[in-house]
């Protein structure tokens, strides 16, 4: 089963590469079929085997020999590992399906925000809608808690945006993700995101990778906080309380 989910994840990862490439530039993720962005040659099924096609072609297009970004096999492999780990953690269940969708979108958010400094509205909408469906169809989840998470997640970043730089995509992302997290995990997510974001930003400035005036995408830090508080909330909370003591 682990191998099955690994392969399934890599196949989904191949589709996520299409989403990551096309969505920020306003292209359809369905049409046209996968093709080389340089020579525009449509790719065959043989060219689209996750990871393996990249290795066989030695990282180059079979038709025009232009280099293929390492991002493609990397995303495929990471998605496969994520699917395998979530299967081990959750097992076969409806919750696993929800979490696989959630994790896939989070991966897209990280890469797109890192490369383009935007979080597309469509991704935030999917996060919110799927999260709402999960809450409605899962008896032990509280709609009230989801609403609190929505209001606190989006509201907190909206207030910050009134006083300083904060992207609209970040606000919408945190509101949508709050539906998944609920009240207290949302609060902890924000705390972790700002702490990690602040530390990494200072390091990048000290190492002269970034200047003080440069914009540093905040989405990846929000995703780190989301992962920590959605899948590991109790562990993170216990660690935090121990640090306070």
Protein backbone atom coordinates (compact mmCIF):
# COMPACT_ATOMS: atom_id res chain seq x y z
CA UNK A 1 0.00 0.00 0.00
CA UNK A 2 2.86 2.37 0.71
CA UNK A 3 4.27 1.75 -2.77
CA UNK A 4 0.82 2.33 -4.28
CA UNK A 5 0.46 5.66 -2.51
CA UNK A 6 4.02 6.62 -3.43
CA UNK A 7 3.25 6.00 -7.12
CA UNK A 8 -0.14 7.71 -6.85
CA UNK A 9 1.54 10.71 -5.23
CA UNK A 10 4.12 10.98 -7.99
CA UNK A 11 1.35 10.88 -10.61
CA UNK A 12 -0.51 13.63 -8.77
CA UNK A 13 2.79 15.49 -8.45
CA UNK A 14 3.08 15.50 -12.23
CA UNK A 15 -0.29 17.27 -12.39
CA UNK A 16 0.75 19.67 -9.61
CA UNK A 17 3.69 20.71 -11.78
CA UNK A 18 1.18 21.77 -14.43
CA UNK A 19 -0.79 23.74 -11.84
CA UNK A 20 2.36 25.40 -10.48
CA UNK A 21 3.55 26.41 -13.96
CA UNK A 22 0.26 27.50 -15.56
CA UNK A 23 -1.91 28.92 -12.78
CA UNK A 24 0.22 32.00 -11.95
CA UNK A 25 0.38 33.03 -15.61
CA UNK A 26 -3.34 32.60 -16.22
CA UNK A 27 -3.19 29.52 -18.44
CA UNK A 28 -5.66 26.63 -18.36
CA UNK A 29 -4.45 23.63 -16.35
CA UNK A 30 -6.44 21.33 -18.65
CA UNK A 31 -5.72 22.52 -22.20
CA UNK A 32 -3.48 22.27 -24.10
CA UNK A 33 -1.89 18.92 -23.29
CA UNK A 34 1.52 18.81 -21.62
CA UNK A 35 4.22 20.15 -23.92
CA UNK A 36 7.77 21.44 -23.90
CA UNK A 37 7.68 25.18 -23.06
CA UNK A 38 10.62 25.79 -25.41
CA UNK A 39 9.83 23.89 -28.61
CA UNK A 40 6.09 23.46 -27.84
CA UNK A 41 6.23 19.78 -28.82
CA UNK A 42 3.37 17.84 -27.21
CA UNK A 43 4.73 15.27 -24.79
CA UNK A 44 3.92 11.59 -25.17
CA UNK A 45 2.96 9.26 -22.34
CA UNK A 46 6.56 8.05 -22.31
CA UNK A 47 7.72 11.62 -21.65
CA UNK A 48 5.35 11.99 -18.70
CA UNK A 49 6.39 9.09 -16.50
CA UNK A 50 7.03 10.75 -13.12
CA UNK A 51 10.74 11.03 -12.18
CA UNK A 52 11.72 8.17 -14.50
CA UNK A 53 11.27 10.17 -17.73
CA UNK A 54 13.50 12.92 -16.33
CA UNK A 55 16.23 10.41 -15.49
CA UNK A 56 16.05 8.59 -18.83
CA UNK A 57 16.18 11.86 -20.78
CA UNK A 58 18.99 13.11 -18.53
CA UNK A 59 17.07 16.22 -17.64
CA UNK A 60 16.57 17.36 -21.23
CA UNK A 61 13.68 17.58 -23.67
CA UNK A 62 13.81 14.60 -26.05
CA UNK A 63 12.90 16.83 -28.98
CA UNK A 64 14.84 20.10 -28.66
CA UNK A 65 17.38 19.03 -25.99
CA UNK A 66 16.64 22.07 -23.83
CA UNK A 67 17.17 21.59 -20.11
CA UNK A 68 14.22 20.59 -17.93
CA UNK A 69 14.00 22.21 -14.51
CA UNK A 70 14.83 19.90 -11.61
CA UNK A 71 11.65 21.23 -10.02
CA UNK A 72 9.57 18.73 -12.01
CA UNK A 73 10.98 15.45 -10.66
CA UNK A 74 11.45 17.08 -7.25
CA UNK A 75 7.75 17.98 -6.94
CA UNK A 76 6.75 14.51 -8.17
CA UNK A 77 8.99 12.80 -5.64
CA UNK A 78 8.00 15.06 -2.75
CA UNK A 79 4.31 14.51 -3.50
CA UNK A 80 4.87 10.75 -3.56
CA UNK A 81 6.63 10.86 -0.17
CA UNK A 82 3.86 13.04 1.28
CA UNK A 83 1.18 10.61 0.09
CA UNK A 84 3.06 7.67 1.56
CA UNK A 85 3.59 9.38 4.91
CA UNK A 86 -0.04 10.47 5.17
CA UNK A 87 -1.20 6.94 4.43
CA UNK A 88 1.04 5.63 7.22
CA UNK A 89 -0.26 8.29 9.62
CA UNK A 90 -3.98 8.13 8.83
CA UNK A 91 -4.68 4.83 7.08
CA UNK A 92 -7.39 4.22 4.50
CA UNK A 93 -10.25 6.55 5.34
CA UNK A 94 -12.28 9.50 4.11
CA UNK A 95 -10.02 11.75 6.18
CA UNK A 96 -7.03 10.52 4.17
CA UNK A 97 -8.66 11.77 0.96
CA UNK A 98 -9.30 15.20 2.47
CA UNK A 99 -5.75 15.41 3.81
CA UNK A 100 -4.18 14.34 0.51
CA UNK A 101 -6.07 17.14 -1.26
CA UNK A 102 -5.06 19.63 1.44
CA UNK A 103 -1.39 18.63 1.34
CA UNK A 104 -1.31 18.82 -2.47
CA UNK A 105 -2.67 22.37 -2.45
CA UNK A 106 -0.24 23.42 0.30
CA UNK A 107 2.65 22.23 -1.84
CA UNK A 108 1.37 24.35 -4.75
CA UNK A 109 1.00 27.37 -2.45
CA UNK A 110 4.62 27.10 -1.27
CA UNK A 111 6.15 26.86 -4.73
CA UNK A 112 3.91 29.45 -6.42
CA UNK A 113 4.30 32.02 -3.64
CA UNK A 114 8.06 31.45 -3.53
CA UNK A 115 8.45 31.91 -7.28
CA UNK A 116 5.77 34.50 -8.06
CA UNK A 117 4.97 36.06 -4.66
CA UNK A 118 1.26 35.37 -5.05
CA UNK A 119 -1.22 32.85 -3.69
CA UNK A 120 -3.88 32.38 -6.40
CA UNK A 121 -7.48 32.93 -5.32
CA UNK A 122 -8.48 29.63 -6.91
CA UNK A 123 -6.22 27.68 -4.55
CA UNK A 124 -7.55 29.55 -1.52
CA UNK A 125 -11.11 28.91 -2.70
CA UNK A 126 -10.46 25.17 -3.04
CA UNK A 127 -8.90 25.06 0.44
CA UNK A 128 -11.94 26.80 1.93
CA UNK A 129 -14.59 24.81 0.05
CA UNK A 130 -12.99 21.39 0.66
CA UNK A 131 -12.43 22.32 4.31
CA UNK A 132 -16.09 23.29 4.65
CA UNK A 133 -17.22 20.02 3.06
CA UNK A 134 -14.93 18.11 5.44
CA UNK A 135 -16.41 19.87 8.47
CA UNK A 136 -20.01 19.30 7.31
CA UNK A 137 -19.45 15.60 6.55
CA UNK A 138 -17.37 14.75 9.63
CA UNK A 139 -19.53 14.29 12.76
CA UNK A 140 -16.79 14.99 15.33
CA UNK A 141 -15.78 18.35 13.78
CA UNK A 142 -17.39 21.58 14.97
CA UNK A 143 -18.72 24.12 12.49
CA UNK A 144 -18.46 26.79 15.18
CA UNK A 145 -14.77 26.02 15.66
CA UNK A 146 -14.21 26.18 11.89
CA UNK A 147 -15.90 29.59 11.73
CA UNK A 148 -13.73 30.85 14.58
CA UNK A 149 -10.65 29.64 12.72
CA UNK A 150 -11.84 31.40 9.56
CA UNK A 151 -12.45 34.69 11.36
CA UNK A 152 -9.26 34.65 13.44
CA UNK A 153 -7.03 33.51 10.56
CA UNK A 154 -8.25 36.02 8.04
CA UNK A 155 -9.04 38.76 10.56
CA UNK A 156 -5.62 38.77 12.22
CA UNK A 157 -3.75 39.15 8.94
CA UNK A 158 -6.26 41.72 7.69
CA UNK A 159 -5.55 43.90 10.73
CA UNK A 160 -1.81 43.50 10.16
CA UNK A 161 -2.30 44.49 6.51
CA UNK A 162 -3.90 47.75 7.65
CA UNK A 163 -0.69 48.67 9.47
CA UNK A 164 1.96 47.24 7.17
CA UNK A 165 2.79 45.03 4.18
CA UNK A 166 0.68 41.88 4.01
CA UNK A 167 -0.53 40.33 0.77
CA UNK A 168 -4.20 39.77 0.09
CA UNK A 169 -3.43 36.17 -0.86
CA UNK A 170 -1.94 35.55 2.59
CA UNK A 171 -5.10 36.91 4.24
CA UNK A 172 -7.38 34.71 2.11
CA UNK A 173 -5.11 31.70 2.61
CA UNK A 174 -5.21 32.01 6.39
CA UNK A 175 -8.97 32.50 6.40
CA UNK A 176 -9.50 29.38 4.26
CA UNK A 177 -6.98 27.34 6.25
CA UNK A 178 -8.63 28.42 9.49
CA UNK A 179 -11.62 26.28 8.47
CA UNK A 180 -9.35 23.22 8.62
CA UNK A 181 -7.53 24.23 11.78
CA UNK A 182 -10.15 25.68 14.07
CA UNK A 183 -9.57 28.40 16.67
CA UNK A 184 -6.57 27.46 18.79
CA UNK A 185 -4.50 25.72 16.08
CA UNK A 186 -5.04 28.81 13.90
CA UNK A 187 -3.67 31.07 16.62
CA UNK A 188 -0.65 28.80 17.09
CA UNK A 189 -0.14 28.62 13.32
CA UNK A 190 0.10 32.41 13.15
CA UNK A 191 2.57 32.50 16.04
CA UNK A 192 4.81 29.85 14.49
CA UNK A 193 4.65 31.48 11.06
CA UNK A 194 5.71 34.88 12.34
CA UNK A 195 8.49 33.44 14.50
CA UNK A 196 9.95 31.30 11.71
CA UNK A 197 9.41 34.04 9.12
CA UNK A 198 11.14 36.60 11.32
CA UNK A 199 14.13 34.39 12.07
CA UNK A 200 14.66 33.34 8.45
CA UNK A 201 14.20 36.91 7.18
CA UNK A 202 16.86 38.20 9.59
CA UNK A 203 19.24 35.41 8.54
CA UNK A 204 18.73 36.19 4.84
CA UNK A 205 19.47 39.86 5.49
CA UNK A 206 22.54 39.08 7.59
CA UNK A 207 23.82 36.71 4.90
CA UNK A 208 23.10 39.43 2.31
CA UNK A 209 20.86 37.12 0.33
CA UNK A 210 18.10 39.69 0.74
CA UNK A 211 18.11 43.42 1.33
CA UNK A 212 15.93 45.08 3.98
CA UNK A 213 13.77 46.56 1.24
CA UNK A 214 13.29 43.21 -0.54
CA UNK A 215 9.95 41.48 -0.26
CA UNK A 216 10.08 37.99 1.24
CA UNK A 217 7.06 35.77 0.45
CA UNK A 218 5.18 34.94 3.65
CA UNK A 219 3.13 32.07 2.20
CA UNK A 220 5.78 29.37 2.77
CA UNK A 221 6.01 30.34 6.45
CA UNK A 222 2.24 30.16 6.78
CA UNK A 223 2.31 26.68 5.24
CA UNK A 224 5.02 25.55 7.68
CA UNK A 225 2.84 26.74 10.55
CA UNK A 226 -0.21 25.07 9.00
CA UNK A 227 1.55 21.71 8.66
CA UNK A 228 2.83 21.88 12.23
CA UNK A 229 -0.57 22.75 13.72
CA UNK A 230 -2.83 20.63 11.51
CA UNK A 231 -0.98 17.33 11.69
CA UNK A 232 1.15 17.81 14.82
CA UNK A 233 -0.85 20.26 16.95
CA UNK A 234 -0.59 18.37 20.26
CA UNK A 235 3.16 17.79 19.86
CA UNK A 236 3.81 21.43 18.92
CA UNK A 237 1.64 22.74 21.75
CA UNK A 238 3.42 20.50 24.27
CA UNK A 239 6.81 21.67 22.98
CA UNK A 240 5.71 25.30 23.24
CA UNK A 241 4.47 24.86 26.81
CA UNK A 242 7.69 23.13 27.80
CA UNK A 243 9.71 26.03 26.38
CA UNK A 244 7.65 28.45 28.47
CA UNK A 245 8.52 26.47 31.58
